[in-house]
Amino acid sequence: MTKFGEIISVDKPVLIDFYFDWEDAENSIETLRDVAAALGDRAKVIKIDIKKNEVLASALRVKGNPTFMIYKKGEMVWRQTGNQDANTLIGLVQQYI
């Protein structure tokens, strides 16, 4: 996997979903697909498994499932823990396009 710093340092917004592979993962994947489809190439949408990336999750103090973050040019500009619907996420990311 590409280094995290490289992923978040792009000019377009990057929406990241930190998740723990539980039963709700399928709903979350569907939501992120809707967000990615709506935003197209204007933003990146990434899903990161907390369990497989424990060091990164710990460094970012990810405690809840799911935790969403938006990065722009390497800086975190928004963060929220808990389920979010596709329309909310789309609206949030569009603020940073």
Protein backbone atom coordinates (compact mmCIF):
# COMPACT_ATOMS: atom_id res chain seq x y z
CA MET A 1 0.00 0.00 0.00
CA THR A 2 1.12 3.53 -0.74
CA LYS A 3 2.37 5.52 2.20
CA PHE A 4 -0.36 7.45 3.98
CA GLY A 5 1.41 10.78 3.52
CA GLU A 6 1.43 10.31 -0.25
CA ILE A 7 -2.29 9.49 -0.28
CA ILE A 8 -3.35 12.59 1.63
CA SER A 9 -0.95 15.13 0.11
CA VAL A 10 -2.85 15.56 -3.17
CA ASP A 11 -4.63 18.78 -4.18
CA LYS A 12 -8.10 17.22 -4.25
CA PRO A 13 -9.93 16.26 -1.06
CA VAL A 14 -9.44 12.73 0.27
CA LEU A 15 -12.28 11.12 2.23
CA ILE A 16 -11.06 8.27 4.41
CA ASP A 17 -13.27 5.76 6.19
CA PHE A 18 -11.44 4.01 9.02
CA TYR A 19 -13.48 0.92 9.80
CA PHE A 20 -13.31 -2.31 11.75
CA ASP A 21 -14.60 -5.21 9.68
CA TRP A 22 -17.91 -5.80 11.42
CA GLU A 23 -21.37 -6.58 10.11
CA ASP A 24 -22.01 -2.96 9.04
CA ALA A 25 -19.05 -3.02 6.66
CA GLU A 26 -21.27 -3.88 3.66
CA ASN A 27 -23.53 -0.86 4.28
CA SER A 28 -20.47 1.35 4.62
CA ILE A 29 -19.01 0.06 1.35
CA GLU A 30 -22.27 0.82 -0.45
CA THR A 31 -22.32 4.34 1.02
CA LEU A 32 -18.74 4.98 -0.07
CA ARG A 33 -19.48 3.70 -3.57
CA ASP A 34 -22.31 6.21 -3.81
CA VAL A 35 -20.02 9.00 -2.58
CA ALA A 36 -17.25 8.05 -5.01
CA ALA A 37 -19.70 7.86 -7.92
CA ALA A 38 -21.16 11.28 -7.11
CA LEU A 39 -17.76 12.98 -6.74
CA GLY A 40 -16.00 11.28 -9.65
CA ASP A 41 -12.40 12.33 -10.10
CA ARG A 42 -12.86 15.54 -8.07
CA ALA A 43 -12.01 13.65 -4.85
CA LYS A 44 -10.50 10.41 -3.59
CA VAL A 45 -12.50 8.01 -1.43
CA ILE A 46 -10.53 5.45 0.58
CA LYS A 47 -11.49 2.77 3.09
CA ILE A 48 -8.87 1.68 5.65
CA ASP A 49 -9.26 -1.38 7.92
CA ILE A 50 -8.33 -0.36 11.47
CA LYS A 51 -7.26 -3.89 12.41
CA LYS A 52 -4.88 -4.21 9.44
CA ASN A 53 -3.48 -0.70 9.98
CA GLU A 54 -3.26 -0.52 13.77
CA VAL A 55 -0.16 1.70 13.85
CA LEU A 56 -1.74 4.30 11.56
CA ALA A 57 -5.08 4.17 13.41
CA SER A 58 -3.31 4.59 16.73
CA ALA A 59 -1.20 7.49 15.44
CA LEU A 60 -4.39 9.24 14.27
CA ARG A 61 -6.19 8.35 17.52
CA VAL A 62 -8.97 6.47 15.78
CA LYS A 63 -11.10 5.06 18.59
CA GLY A 64 -14.56 4.65 17.06
CA ASN A 65 -15.99 2.63 14.22
CA PRO A 66 -16.34 4.07 11.68
CA THR A 67 -14.24 7.21 11.79
CA PHE A 68 -14.35 9.46 8.74
CA MET A 69 -11.69 12.04 7.88
CA ILE A 70 -11.26 14.50 5.05
CA TYR A 71 -7.75 15.60 4.11
CA LYS A 72 -6.80 18.36 1.69
CA LYS A 73 -3.16 18.98 0.72
CA GLY A 74 -1.95 16.83 3.61
CA GLU A 75 -4.02 18.58 6.29
CA MET A 76 -7.01 17.09 8.08
CA VAL A 77 -9.92 19.48 7.52
CA TRP A 78 -12.79 17.41 8.96
CA ARG A 79 -13.26 14.39 11.20
CA GLN A 80 -16.30 12.57 12.58
CA THR A 81 -16.87 9.24 14.29
CA GLY A 82 -20.09 7.35 13.65
CA ASN A 83 -22.17 6.38 10.65
CA GLN A 84 -22.74 9.02 7.99
CA ASP A 85 -25.10 8.85 5.03
CA ALA A 86 -23.86 9.32 1.47
CA ASN A 87 -25.52 12.73 0.96
CA THR A 88 -23.90 14.14 4.10
CA LEU A 89 -20.46 12.89 3.08
CA ILE A 90 -20.89 14.21 -0.47
CA GLY A 91 -21.85 17.65 0.85
CA LEU A 92 -18.90 17.72 3.24
CA VAL A 93 -16.34 16.73 0.60
CA GLN A 94 -17.77 19.23 -1.90
CA GLN A 95 -16.91 22.05 0.51
CA TYR A 96 -13.23 21.30 -0.11
CA ILE A 97 -13.28 20.84 -3.90
